[in-house]
Amino acid sequence: MDTAFAGFLSYFTSSSLFPSLIEGKNHIDEIAAAEDISPYFTINIPAMFDVMTSLVFSFTLGLGIAFFTSPNLKNVCSEFKDIVVKAIETVIIPLLPIYIFGIFLSMTYTGQAAKVIKVFIAIIGVIFAMHILLLILQYCIAGLATKKNPFKLLGNMLPAYFTALGTSSSAATIPVTLNQTIKNGVDQSIAGFVVPLCATIHLSGSTLKIVACAVALMLMQGMPFSFGMFAGFILMLGVMMVAAPGVPGGAIMAALGILATMLGFNEQQQALMIALYITMDSFGTACNVTGDGVIAILINKYFGPKPEVQNA
């Protein structure tokens, strides 16, 4: 729910403010036209299914297994899950940081990073302001629920925020996030469960940023869009963020499929999304991990050990 709220907040703010900021600044082709580095070789692996087919098939299969309790099908899916998890752990995750590092190198070589910042400087400022607003709203809710000063709660999480700014990785920031969450009065066992889980499934800052970047690019390229289109995209993005790895650039990589299928982004536009997203990746990650503290506070409030139980 928090991820979807961040997405809708981003859409309404972006669609209201960005048209006046982007008007007369259609220099997006300068970024797209930058001469990229040619790879030594490429391997094209066509997808077995498109994104929507895969998602519907997965949900249908999962619901069927849960409803009919089929042991044979469950065992097949469980063993296939083990294969996928092993492939991700041993191949994808170790290579993904190198891939992201390569994107940074390519952007530096082609000058894309500087051009993205030049073209989108005002937009980046609005996105950063939305991140701060989202965090204040989240901690105000946590403060109302726990009857604590929300700004003190938020202040306790600043070490996690600045660590995420430096690492751009939710996973790498887990120890700091966990420590600061406990300082906010969250039970250690609850914090130990919620923080690592939220590092992979709670990406409100990344969702906010992806939606804002998508609106900005569609405005700059004259692509039509509507609330109905983005409503479906935001809800699906919330599902896709669960699959995003907690490494730099993981969220935008997970979102590329629905950017193509639901918003109609071609390869060039997806590359521009990656360039824009990576340029300010650390801000979204910092918002993600700081927001994890709110989830932990609320879970602790309603499901944690009660004071009377502890005193007894």
C-alpha atoms as a PDB file:
ATOM      1  CA  MET A   1       0.000   0.000   0.000  1.00  0.00           C
ATOM      2  CA  ASP A   2       2.816   2.405   0.883  1.00  0.00           C
ATOM      3  CA  THR A   3       4.519   1.685  -2.434  1.00  0.00           C
ATOM      4  CA  ALA A   4       1.301   2.377  -4.356  1.00  0.00           C
ATOM      5  CA  PHE A   5       0.734   5.587  -2.359  1.00  0.00           C
ATOM      6  CA  ALA A   6       4.241   6.764  -3.282  1.00  0.00           C
ATOM      7  CA  GLY A   7       3.530   6.022  -6.937  1.00  0.00           C
ATOM      8  CA  PHE A   8       0.251   7.975  -7.000  1.00  0.00           C
ATOM      9  CA  LEU A   9       1.829  10.873  -5.075  1.00  0.00           C
ATOM     10  CA  SER A  10       4.572  10.966  -7.682  1.00  0.00           C
ATOM     11  CA  TYR A  11       2.132  10.829 -10.604  1.00  0.00           C
ATOM     12  CA  PHE A  12      -0.110  13.663  -9.424  1.00  0.00           C
ATOM     13  CA  THR A  13       2.851  15.866  -8.472  1.00  0.00           C
ATOM     14  CA  SER A  14       4.745  15.143 -11.697  1.00  0.00           C
ATOM     15  CA  SER A  15       1.780  15.602 -14.009  1.00  0.00           C
ATOM     16  CA  SER A  16       1.023  18.931 -12.307  1.00  0.00           C
ATOM     17  CA  LEU A  17       4.522  20.448 -12.107  1.00  0.00           C
ATOM     18  CA  PHE A  18       6.577  18.882 -14.896  1.00  0.00           C
ATOM     19  CA  PRO A  19       4.768  20.405 -17.932  1.00  0.00           C
ATOM     20  CA  SER A  20       5.845  23.922 -16.898  1.00  0.00           C
ATOM     21  CA  LEU A  21       9.393  22.755 -16.081  1.00  0.00           C
ATOM     22  CA  ILE A  22       9.875  20.804 -19.313  1.00  0.00           C
ATOM     23  CA  GLU A  23       8.339  23.299 -21.731  1.00  0.00           C
ATOM     24  CA  GLY A  24      11.000  24.617 -24.103  1.00  0.00           C
ATOM     25  CA  LYS A  25      13.641  22.152 -22.887  1.00  0.00           C
ATOM     26  CA  ASN A  26      13.319  19.328 -25.387  1.00  0.00           C
ATOM     27  CA  HIS A  27      17.014  18.467 -25.435  1.00  0.00           C
ATOM     28  CA  ILE A  28      16.369  14.808 -24.758  1.00  0.00           C
ATOM     29  CA  ASP A  29      17.786  13.843 -28.152  1.00  0.00           C
ATOM     30  CA  GLU A  30      21.211  15.082 -27.017  1.00  0.00           C
ATOM     31  CA  ILE A  31      21.240  12.349 -24.418  1.00  0.00           C
ATOM     32  CA  ALA A  32      19.924   9.648 -26.727  1.00  0.00           C
ATOM     33  CA  ALA A  33      22.346  10.600 -29.516  1.00  0.00           C
ATOM     34  CA  ALA A  34      25.485  10.144 -27.409  1.00  0.00           C
ATOM     35  CA  GLU A  35      27.852   7.681 -29.044  1.00  0.00           C
ATOM     36  CA  ASP A  36      27.911   4.578 -26.915  1.00  0.00           C
ATOM     37  CA  ILE A  37      30.674   2.022 -26.399  1.00  0.00           C
ATOM     38  CA  SER A  38      30.423  -0.925 -28.785  1.00  0.00           C
ATOM     39  CA  PRO A  39      30.437  -4.330 -27.036  1.00  0.00           C
ATOM     40  CA  TYR A  40      32.891  -7.049 -28.044  1.00  0.00           C
ATOM     41  CA  PHE A  41      29.984  -9.466 -28.502  1.00  0.00           C
ATOM     42  CA  THR A  42      26.291  -9.733 -27.651  1.00  0.00           C
ATOM     43  CA  ILE A  43      24.062 -12.684 -26.774  1.00  0.00           C
ATOM     44  CA  ASN A  44      20.383 -12.324 -27.629  1.00  0.00           C
ATOM     45  CA  ILE A  45      18.095 -14.475 -25.476  1.00  0.00           C
ATOM     46  CA  PRO A  46      14.454 -14.110 -26.581  1.00  0.00           C
ATOM     47  CA  ALA A  47      11.919 -14.272 -23.742  1.00  0.00           C
ATOM     48  CA  MET A  48       9.861 -17.457 -23.471  1.00  0.00           C
ATOM     49  CA  PHE A  49       6.802 -15.359 -22.502  1.00  0.00           C
ATOM     50  CA  ASP A  50       6.084 -11.658 -22.478  1.00  0.00           C
ATOM     51  CA  VAL A  51       5.806  -9.934 -19.093  1.00  0.00           C
ATOM     52  CA  MET A  52       2.032 -10.003 -18.679  1.00  0.00           C
ATOM     53  CA  THR A  53       1.757 -13.632 -19.776  1.00  0.00           C
ATOM     54  CA  SER A  54       4.445 -14.606 -17.267  1.00  0.00           C
ATOM     55  CA  LEU A  55       2.797 -12.709 -14.412  1.00  0.00           C
ATOM     56  CA  VAL A  56      -0.692 -14.099 -15.057  1.00  0.00           C
ATOM     57  CA  PHE A  57       0.680 -17.623 -15.471  1.00  0.00           C
ATOM     58  CA  SER A  58       2.683 -17.348 -12.231  1.00  0.00           C
ATOM     59  CA  PHE A  59      -0.255 -16.043 -10.189  1.00  0.00           C
ATOM     60  CA  THR A  60      -2.637 -18.627 -11.642  1.00  0.00           C
ATOM     61  CA  LEU A  61      -0.196 -21.458 -10.969  1.00  0.00           C
ATOM     62  CA  GLY A  62       0.501 -20.249  -7.438  1.00  0.00           C
ATOM     63  CA  LEU A  63      -3.175 -19.900  -6.560  1.00  0.00           C
ATOM     64  CA  GLY A  64      -3.893 -23.314  -8.063  1.00  0.00           C
ATOM     65  CA  ILE A  65      -1.169 -24.981  -5.994  1.00  0.00           C
ATOM     66  CA  ALA A  66      -2.405 -23.261  -2.820  1.00  0.00           C
ATOM     67  CA  PHE A  67      -6.063 -24.131  -3.460  1.00  0.00           C
ATOM     68  CA  PHE A  68      -5.758 -27.721  -4.662  1.00  0.00           C
ATOM     69  CA  THR A  69      -2.700 -28.607  -2.527  1.00  0.00           C
ATOM     70  CA  SER A  70      -1.278 -30.671  -5.397  1.00  0.00           C
ATOM     71  CA  PRO A  71       1.907 -32.308  -3.996  1.00  0.00           C
ATOM     72  CA  ASN A  72       3.406 -33.248  -7.372  1.00  0.00           C
ATOM     73  CA  LEU A  73       3.021 -29.833  -8.964  1.00  0.00           C
ATOM     74  CA  LYS A  74       4.157 -28.185  -5.729  1.00  0.00           C
ATOM     75  CA  ASN A  75       7.325 -30.277  -5.674  1.00  0.00           C
ATOM     76  CA  VAL A  76       8.091 -29.441  -9.320  1.00  0.00           C
ATOM     77  CA  CYS A  77       7.650 -25.728  -8.672  1.00  0.00           C
ATOM     78  CA  SER A  78       9.672 -25.936  -5.466  1.00  0.00           C
ATOM     79  CA  GLU A  79      12.576 -27.642  -7.234  1.00  0.00           C
ATOM     80  CA  PHE A  80      12.378 -25.149 -10.117  1.00  0.00           C
ATOM     81  CA  LYS A  81      12.438 -22.351  -7.531  1.00  0.00           C
ATOM     82  CA  ASP A  82      15.648 -23.804  -6.094  1.00  0.00           C
ATOM     83  CA  ILE A  83      17.210 -23.777  -9.568  1.00  0.00           C
ATOM     84  CA  VAL A  84      16.186 -20.154 -10.157  1.00  0.00           C
ATOM     85  CA  VAL A  85      17.394 -19.049  -6.707  1.00  0.00           C
ATOM     86  CA  LYS A  86      20.742 -20.782  -7.249  1.00  0.00           C
ATOM     87  CA  ALA A  87      21.145 -19.139 -10.659  1.00  0.00           C
ATOM     88  CA  ILE A  88      20.340 -15.729  -9.190  1.00  0.00           C
ATOM     89  CA  GLU A  89      22.701 -16.211  -6.227  1.00  0.00           C
ATOM     90  CA  THR A  90      25.645 -17.520  -8.228  1.00  0.00           C
ATOM     91  CA  VAL A  91      25.304 -15.655 -11.556  1.00  0.00           C
ATOM     92  CA  ILE A  92      22.882 -12.720 -11.577  1.00  0.00           C
ATOM     93  CA  ILE A  93      23.622 -11.090  -8.220  1.00  0.00           C
ATOM     94  CA  PRO A  94      27.448 -11.263  -8.517  1.00  0.00           C
ATOM     95  CA  LEU A  95      27.350  -9.856 -12.079  1.00  0.00           C
ATOM     96  CA  LEU A  96      24.649  -7.223 -11.545  1.00  0.00           C
ATOM     97  CA  PRO A  97      26.903  -4.738  -9.676  1.00  0.00           C
ATOM     98  CA  ILE A  98      29.457  -5.099 -12.487  1.00  0.00           C
ATOM     99  CA  TYR A  99      26.710  -4.398 -15.018  1.00  0.00           C
ATOM    100  CA  ILE A 100      25.586  -1.304 -13.104  1.00  0.00           C
ATOM    101  CA  PHE A 101      29.225  -0.187 -12.848  1.00  0.00           C
ATOM    102  CA  GLY A 102      29.478  -0.612 -16.609  1.00  0.00           C
ATOM    103  CA  ILE A 103      26.446   1.643 -17.075  1.00  0.00           C
ATOM    104  CA  PHE A 104      28.148   4.316 -14.981  1.00  0.00           C
ATOM    105  CA  LEU A 105      31.329   3.984 -17.047  1.00  0.00           C
ATOM    106  CA  SER A 106      29.388   4.197 -20.300  1.00  0.00           C
ATOM    107  CA  MET A 107      27.475   7.260 -19.107  1.00  0.00           C
ATOM    108  CA  THR A 108      30.752   8.924 -18.120  1.00  0.00           C
ATOM    109  CA  TYR A 109      32.408   8.070 -21.443  1.00  0.00           C
ATOM    110  CA  THR A 110      29.505   9.329 -23.553  1.00  0.00           C
ATOM    111  CA  GLY A 111      28.791  12.345 -21.364  1.00  0.00           C
ATOM    112  CA  GLN A 112      25.250  11.169 -20.674  1.00  0.00           C
ATOM    113  CA  ALA A 113      25.494  11.745 -16.915  1.00  0.00           C
ATOM    114  CA  ALA A 114      26.291  15.455 -17.282  1.00  0.00           C
ATOM    115  CA  LYS A 115      23.635  15.919 -19.978  1.00  0.00           C
ATOM    116  CA  VAL A 116      20.990  14.119 -17.907  1.00  0.00           C
ATOM    117  CA  ILE A 117      21.709  16.389 -14.964  1.00  0.00           C
ATOM    118  CA  LYS A 118      21.668  19.495 -17.193  1.00  0.00           C
ATOM    119  CA  VAL A 119      18.367  18.651 -18.846  1.00  0.00           C
ATOM    120  CA  PHE A 120      16.656  17.295 -15.754  1.00  0.00           C
ATOM    121  CA  ILE A 121      18.124  19.476 -12.992  1.00  0.00           C
ATOM    122  CA  ALA A 122      14.762  21.031 -12.072  1.00  0.00           C
ATOM    123  CA  ILE A 123      13.012  17.652 -12.314  1.00  0.00           C
ATOM    124  CA  ILE A 124      15.640  16.039 -10.097  1.00  0.00           C
ATOM    125  CA  GLY A 125      15.024  18.794  -7.539  1.00  0.00           C
ATOM    126  CA  VAL A 126      11.277  18.079  -7.537  1.00  0.00           C
ATOM    127  CA  ILE A 127      11.887  14.330  -7.177  1.00  0.00           C
ATOM    128  CA  PHE A 128      14.234  14.930  -4.230  1.00  0.00           C
ATOM    129  CA  ALA A 129      11.608  17.183  -2.590  1.00  0.00           C
ATOM    130  CA  MET A 130       8.987  14.446  -3.068  1.00  0.00           C
ATOM    131  CA  HIS A 131      11.280  11.949  -1.345  1.00  0.00           C
ATOM    132  CA  ILE A 132      11.596  14.236   1.675  1.00  0.00           C
ATOM    133  CA  LEU A 133       7.842  14.901   1.726  1.00  0.00           C
ATOM    134  CA  LEU A 134       7.111  11.176   1.553  1.00  0.00           C
ATOM    135  CA  LEU A 135       9.427  10.463   4.500  1.00  0.00           C
ATOM    136  CA  ILE A 136       7.848  13.236   6.584  1.00  0.00           C
ATOM    137  CA  LEU A 137       4.358  11.875   5.844  1.00  0.00           C
ATOM    138  CA  GLN A 138       5.448   8.334   6.718  1.00  0.00           C
ATOM    139  CA  TYR A 139       6.991   9.347  10.033  1.00  0.00           C
ATOM    140  CA  CYS A 140       4.045  11.569  10.930  1.00  0.00           C
ATOM    141  CA  ILE A 141       1.845   8.485  10.584  1.00  0.00           C
ATOM    142  CA  ALA A 142       4.292   6.490  12.725  1.00  0.00           C
ATOM    143  CA  GLY A 143       4.382   9.310  15.277  1.00  0.00           C
ATOM    144  CA  LEU A 144       0.567   9.444  15.492  1.00  0.00           C
ATOM    145  CA  ALA A 145       0.390   5.683  15.946  1.00  0.00           C
ATOM    146  CA  THR A 146       3.054   5.548  18.673  1.00  0.00           C
ATOM    147  CA  LYS A 147       2.463   9.027  20.190  1.00  0.00           C
ATOM    148  CA  LYS A 148       6.129   9.885  19.641  1.00  0.00           C
ATOM    149  CA  ASN A 149       7.807  12.871  18.027  1.00  0.00           C
ATOM    150  CA  PRO A 150       7.949  11.970  14.308  1.00  0.00           C
ATOM    151  CA  PHE A 151      10.946  14.204  13.659  1.00  0.00           C
ATOM    152  CA  LYS A 152      12.897  12.517  16.466  1.00  0.00           C
ATOM    153  CA  LEU A 153      12.049   9.133  14.954  1.00  0.00           C
ATOM    154  CA  LEU A 154      13.162  10.389  11.553  1.00  0.00           C
ATOM    155  CA  GLY A 155      16.321  11.889  13.028  1.00  0.00           C
ATOM    156  CA  ASN A 156      17.283   8.528  14.514  1.00  0.00           C
ATOM    157  CA  MET A 157      17.174   7.045  11.005  1.00  0.00           C
ATOM    158  CA  LEU A 158      19.522   9.613   9.438  1.00  0.00           C
ATOM    159  CA  PRO A 159      22.604   7.331   9.737  1.00  0.00           C
ATOM    160  CA  ALA A 160      20.769   4.751   7.611  1.00  0.00           C
ATOM    161  CA  TYR A 161      19.718   7.480   5.162  1.00  0.00           C
ATOM    162  CA  PHE A 162      23.261   8.736   4.639  1.00  0.00           C
ATOM    163  CA  THR A 163      24.679   5.194   4.475  1.00  0.00           C
ATOM    164  CA  ALA A 164      22.220   4.417   1.677  1.00  0.00           C
ATOM    165  CA  LEU A 165      23.253   7.621  -0.103  1.00  0.00           C
ATOM    166  CA  GLY A 166      26.808   6.288  -0.176  1.00  0.00           C
ATOM    167  CA  THR A 167      26.101   2.664  -1.050  1.00  0.00           C
ATOM    168  CA  SER A 168      22.962   2.986  -3.267  1.00  0.00           C
ATOM    169  CA  SER A 169      22.127  -0.486  -1.942  1.00  0.00           C
ATOM    170  CA  SER A 170      19.290  -1.431   0.409  1.00  0.00           C
ATOM    171  CA  ALA A 171      20.963  -4.753   1.141  1.00  0.00           C
ATOM    172  CA  ALA A 172      24.310  -3.194   2.062  1.00  0.00           C
ATOM    173  CA  THR A 173      22.564  -0.744   4.410  1.00  0.00           C
ATOM    174  CA  ILE A 174      20.655  -3.418   6.370  1.00  0.00           C
ATOM    175  CA  PRO A 175      22.999  -3.469   9.419  1.00  0.00           C
ATOM    176  CA  VAL A 176      22.737   0.310   9.891  1.00  0.00           C
ATOM    177  CA  THR A 177      18.972   0.331   9.236  1.00  0.00           C
ATOM    178  CA  LEU A 178      18.501  -2.483  11.750  1.00  0.00           C
ATOM    179  CA  ASN A 179      20.536  -0.721  14.432  1.00  0.00           C
ATOM    180  CA  GLN A 180      18.732   2.611  14.025  1.00  0.00           C
ATOM    181  CA  THR A 181      15.319   0.926  13.925  1.00  0.00           C
ATOM    182  CA  ILE A 182      16.011  -0.704  17.285  1.00  0.00           C
ATOM    183  CA  LYS A 183      16.988   2.753  18.637  1.00  0.00           C
ATOM    184  CA  ASN A 184      13.473   3.893  17.705  1.00  0.00           C
ATOM    185  CA  GLY A 185      12.062   1.438  20.233  1.00  0.00           C
ATOM    186  CA  VAL A 186      11.304  -1.474  17.902  1.00  0.00           C
ATOM    187  CA  ASP A 187      11.677  -4.916  19.422  1.00  0.00           C
ATOM    188  CA  GLN A 188      14.886  -6.568  18.227  1.00  0.00           C
ATOM    189  CA  SER A 189      13.153  -9.697  16.935  1.00  0.00           C
ATOM    190  CA  ILE A 190      10.626  -7.668  14.938  1.00  0.00           C
ATOM    191  CA  ALA A 191      13.313  -5.365  13.559  1.00  0.00           C
ATOM    192  CA  GLY A 192      15.400  -8.405  12.598  1.00  0.00           C
ATOM    193  CA  PHE A 193      12.474  -9.745  10.569  1.00  0.00           C
ATOM    194  CA  VAL A 194      10.997  -6.549   9.076  1.00  0.00           C
ATOM    195  CA  VAL A 195      14.157  -4.681   8.015  1.00  0.00           C
ATOM    196  CA  PRO A 196      15.734  -7.422   5.819  1.00  0.00           C
ATOM    197  CA  LEU A 197      12.316  -8.234   4.337  1.00  0.00           C
ATOM    198  CA  CYS A 198      11.530  -4.590   3.543  1.00  0.00           C
ATOM    199  CA  ALA A 199      14.972  -4.169   1.972  1.00  0.00           C
ATOM    200  CA  THR A 200      13.699  -6.314  -0.898  1.00  0.00           C
ATOM    201  CA  ILE A 201       9.926  -5.671  -1.029  1.00  0.00           C
ATOM    202  CA  HIS A 202       9.415  -2.089   0.227  1.00  0.00           C
ATOM    203  CA  LEU A 203      10.733   0.257  -2.458  1.00  0.00           C
ATOM    204  CA  SER A 204       8.499   3.307  -2.126  1.00  0.00           C
ATOM    205  CA  GLY A 205      11.305   5.728  -2.986  1.00  0.00           C
ATOM    206  CA  SER A 206      12.241   3.789  -6.101  1.00  0.00           C
ATOM    207  CA  THR A 207       8.591   3.581  -7.198  1.00  0.00           C
ATOM    208  CA  LEU A 208       8.193   7.339  -6.710  1.00  0.00           C
ATOM    209  CA  LYS A 209      11.285   7.989  -8.800  1.00  0.00           C
ATOM    210  CA  ILE A 210      10.409   5.566 -11.616  1.00  0.00           C
ATOM    211  CA  VAL A 211       6.926   7.072 -12.003  1.00  0.00           C
ATOM    212  CA  ALA A 212       8.301  10.633 -12.008  1.00  0.00           C
ATOM    213  CA  CYS A 213      11.003   9.778 -14.553  1.00  0.00           C
ATOM    214  CA  ALA A 214       8.459   8.029 -16.781  1.00  0.00           C
ATOM    215  CA  VAL A 215       6.134  11.053 -16.715  1.00  0.00           C
ATOM    216  CA  ALA A 216       9.053  13.391 -17.488  1.00  0.00           C
ATOM    217  CA  LEU A 217      10.264  11.360 -20.464  1.00  0.00           C
ATOM    218  CA  MET A 218       6.754  10.967 -21.874  1.00  0.00           C
ATOM    219  CA  LEU A 219       6.198  14.714 -21.628  1.00  0.00           C
ATOM    220  CA  MET A 220       9.528  15.497 -23.301  1.00  0.00           C
ATOM    221  CA  GLN A 221       8.870  13.115 -26.167  1.00  0.00           C
ATOM    222  CA  GLY A 222       5.218  14.050 -26.629  1.00  0.00           C
ATOM    223  CA  MET A 223       3.913  10.608 -25.686  1.00  0.00           C
ATOM    224  CA  PRO A 224       0.243  10.598 -24.605  1.00  0.00           C
ATOM    225  CA  PHE A 225      -0.572   9.310 -21.131  1.00  0.00           C
ATOM    226  CA  SER A 226      -3.521   9.291 -18.746  1.00  0.00           C
ATOM    227  CA  PHE A 227      -4.302   8.568 -15.115  1.00  0.00           C
ATOM    228  CA  GLY A 228      -5.851   5.227 -16.068  1.00  0.00           C
ATOM    229  CA  MET A 229      -2.673   4.161 -17.835  1.00  0.00           C
ATOM    230  CA  PHE A 230      -0.482   5.106 -14.889  1.00  0.00           C
ATOM    231  CA  ALA A 231      -2.873   3.666 -12.291  1.00  0.00           C
ATOM    232  CA  GLY A 232      -2.395   0.200 -13.779  1.00  0.00           C
ATOM    233  CA  PHE A 233       1.322   0.801 -14.197  1.00  0.00           C
ATOM    234  CA  ILE A 234       1.757   1.889 -10.557  1.00  0.00           C
ATOM    235  CA  LEU A 235      -0.139  -1.106  -9.176  1.00  0.00           C
ATOM    236  CA  MET A 236       1.839  -3.490 -11.373  1.00  0.00           C
ATOM    237  CA  LEU A 237       5.048  -1.688 -10.431  1.00  0.00           C
ATOM    238  CA  GLY A 238       4.298  -2.404  -6.781  1.00  0.00           C
ATOM    239  CA  VAL A 239       4.255  -6.105  -7.630  1.00  0.00           C
ATOM    240  CA  MET A 240       7.407  -5.904  -9.736  1.00  0.00           C
ATOM    241  CA  MET A 241       9.322  -4.115  -6.978  1.00  0.00           C
ATOM    242  CA  VAL A 242       9.023  -7.267  -4.873  1.00  0.00           C
ATOM    243  CA  ALA A 243      11.255  -8.958  -7.459  1.00  0.00           C
ATOM    244  CA  ALA A 244      13.791  -6.119  -7.537  1.00  0.00           C
ATOM    245  CA  PRO A 245      17.173  -7.006  -5.983  1.00  0.00           C
ATOM    246  CA  GLY A 246      18.459  -4.664  -3.294  1.00  0.00           C
ATOM    247  CA  VAL A 247      21.496  -3.605  -5.320  1.00  0.00           C
ATOM    248  CA  PRO A 248      22.220  -0.365  -7.209  1.00  0.00           C
ATOM    249  CA  GLY A 249      19.873  -0.080 -10.178  1.00  0.00           C
ATOM    250  CA  GLY A 250      17.914  -3.203  -9.279  1.00  0.00           C
ATOM    251  CA  ALA A 251      14.525  -1.464  -9.252  1.00  0.00           C
ATOM    252  CA  ILE A 252      14.750   0.050 -12.724  1.00  0.00           C
ATOM    253  CA  MET A 253      15.948  -3.254 -14.168  1.00  0.00           C
ATOM    254  CA  ALA A 254      12.920  -5.021 -12.698  1.00  0.00           C
ATOM    255  CA  ALA A 255      10.626  -2.313 -14.086  1.00  0.00           C
ATOM    256  CA  LEU A 256      11.856  -2.414 -17.699  1.00  0.00           C
ATOM    257  CA  GLY A 257       9.349  -5.080 -18.719  1.00  0.00           C
ATOM    258  CA  ILE A 258       6.241  -3.152 -17.698  1.00  0.00           C
ATOM    259  CA  LEU A 259       7.716   0.117 -18.973  1.00  0.00           C
ATOM    260  CA  ALA A 260       7.710  -1.545 -22.384  1.00  0.00           C
ATOM    261  CA  THR A 261       4.391  -3.391 -22.190  1.00  0.00           C
ATOM    262  CA  MET A 262       2.242  -0.878 -20.290  1.00  0.00           C
ATOM    263  CA  LEU A 263       3.739   2.513 -21.210  1.00  0.00           C
ATOM    264  CA  GLY A 264       5.076   1.614 -24.656  1.00  0.00           C
ATOM    265  CA  PHE A 265       8.744   2.474 -24.010  1.00  0.00           C
ATOM    266  CA  ASN A 266      11.080   1.287 -26.770  1.00  0.00           C
ATOM    267  CA  GLU A 267      14.723   0.285 -26.241  1.00  0.00           C
ATOM    268  CA  GLN A 268      15.999   3.859 -26.597  1.00  0.00           C
ATOM    269  CA  GLN A 269      13.473   5.185 -24.092  1.00  0.00           C
ATOM    270  CA  GLN A 270      14.298   2.377 -21.674  1.00  0.00           C
ATOM    271  CA  ALA A 271      17.983   3.306 -21.951  1.00  0.00           C
ATOM    272  CA  LEU A 272      17.081   6.907 -21.147  1.00  0.00           C
ATOM    273  CA  MET A 273      15.108   5.725 -18.114  1.00  0.00           C
ATOM    274  CA  ILE A 274      18.135   3.783 -16.908  1.00  0.00           C
ATOM    275  CA  ALA A 275      20.390   6.798 -17.444  1.00  0.00           C
ATOM    276  CA  LEU A 276      18.072   9.140 -15.564  1.00  0.00           C
ATOM    277  CA  TYR A 277      17.350   6.663 -12.775  1.00  0.00           C
ATOM    278  CA  ILE A 278      20.984   5.689 -12.162  1.00  0.00           C
ATOM    279  CA  THR A 279      22.021   9.355 -12.025  1.00  0.00           C
ATOM    280  CA  MET A 280      20.021   9.780  -8.793  1.00  0.00           C
ATOM    281  CA  ASP A 281      19.714   6.173  -7.630  1.00  0.00           C
ATOM    282  CA  SER A 282      21.082   6.863  -4.154  1.00  0.00           C
ATOM    283  CA  PHE A 283      18.221   9.240  -3.233  1.00  0.00           C
ATOM    284  CA  GLY A 284      15.593   6.594  -3.940  1.00  0.00           C
ATOM    285  CA  THR A 285      17.533   3.959  -2.009  1.00  0.00           C
ATOM    286  CA  ALA A 286      17.901   6.309   0.962  1.00  0.00           C
ATOM    287  CA  CYS A 287      14.140   6.914   0.924  1.00  0.00           C
ATOM    288  CA  ASN A 288      13.515   3.160   0.739  1.00  0.00           C
ATOM    289  CA  VAL A 289      15.634   2.201   3.749  1.00  0.00           C
ATOM    290  CA  THR A 290      14.464   5.139   5.867  1.00  0.00           C
ATOM    291  CA  GLY A 291      10.863   4.201   5.120  1.00  0.00           C
ATOM    292  CA  ASP A 292      11.623   0.644   6.249  1.00  0.00           C
ATOM    293  CA  GLY A 293      11.905   2.078   9.760  1.00  0.00           C
ATOM    294  CA  VAL A 294       8.273   3.250   9.577  1.00  0.00           C
ATOM    295  CA  ILE A 295       7.059  -0.226   8.627  1.00  0.00           C
ATOM    296  CA  ALA A 296       9.001  -1.706  11.542  1.00  0.00           C
ATOM    297  CA  ILE A 297       7.581   0.874  13.983  1.00  0.00           C
ATOM    298  CA  LEU A 298       3.991   0.163  12.906  1.00  0.00           C
ATOM    299  CA  ILE A 299       4.466  -3.621  12.990  1.00  0.00           C
ATOM    300  CA  ASN A 300       5.989  -3.311  16.465  1.00  0.00           C
ATOM    301  CA  LYS A 301       3.092  -1.120  17.607  1.00  0.00           C
ATOM    302  CA  TYR A 302       0.323  -3.491  16.574  1.00  0.00           C
ATOM    303  CA  PHE A 303       2.007  -6.909  16.658  1.00  0.00           C
ATOM    304  CA  GLY A 304       4.990  -6.475  18.983  1.00  0.00           C
ATOM    305  CA  PRO A 305       5.319  -7.395  22.666  1.00  0.00           C
ATOM    306  CA  LYS A 306       2.856  -5.464  24.815  1.00  0.00           C
ATOM    307  CA  PRO A 307       4.182  -3.494  27.819  1.00  0.00           C
ATOM    308  CA  GLU A 308       1.935  -5.350  30.226  1.00  0.00           C
ATOM    309  CA  VAL A 309       3.248  -8.699  28.984  1.00  0.00           C
ATOM    310  CA  GLN A 310       6.855  -7.550  29.408  1.00  0.00           C
ATOM    311  CA  ASN A 311       6.198  -6.225  32.952  1.00  0.00           C
ATOM    312  CA  ALA A 312       4.397  -9.404  33.958  1.00  0.00           C
END
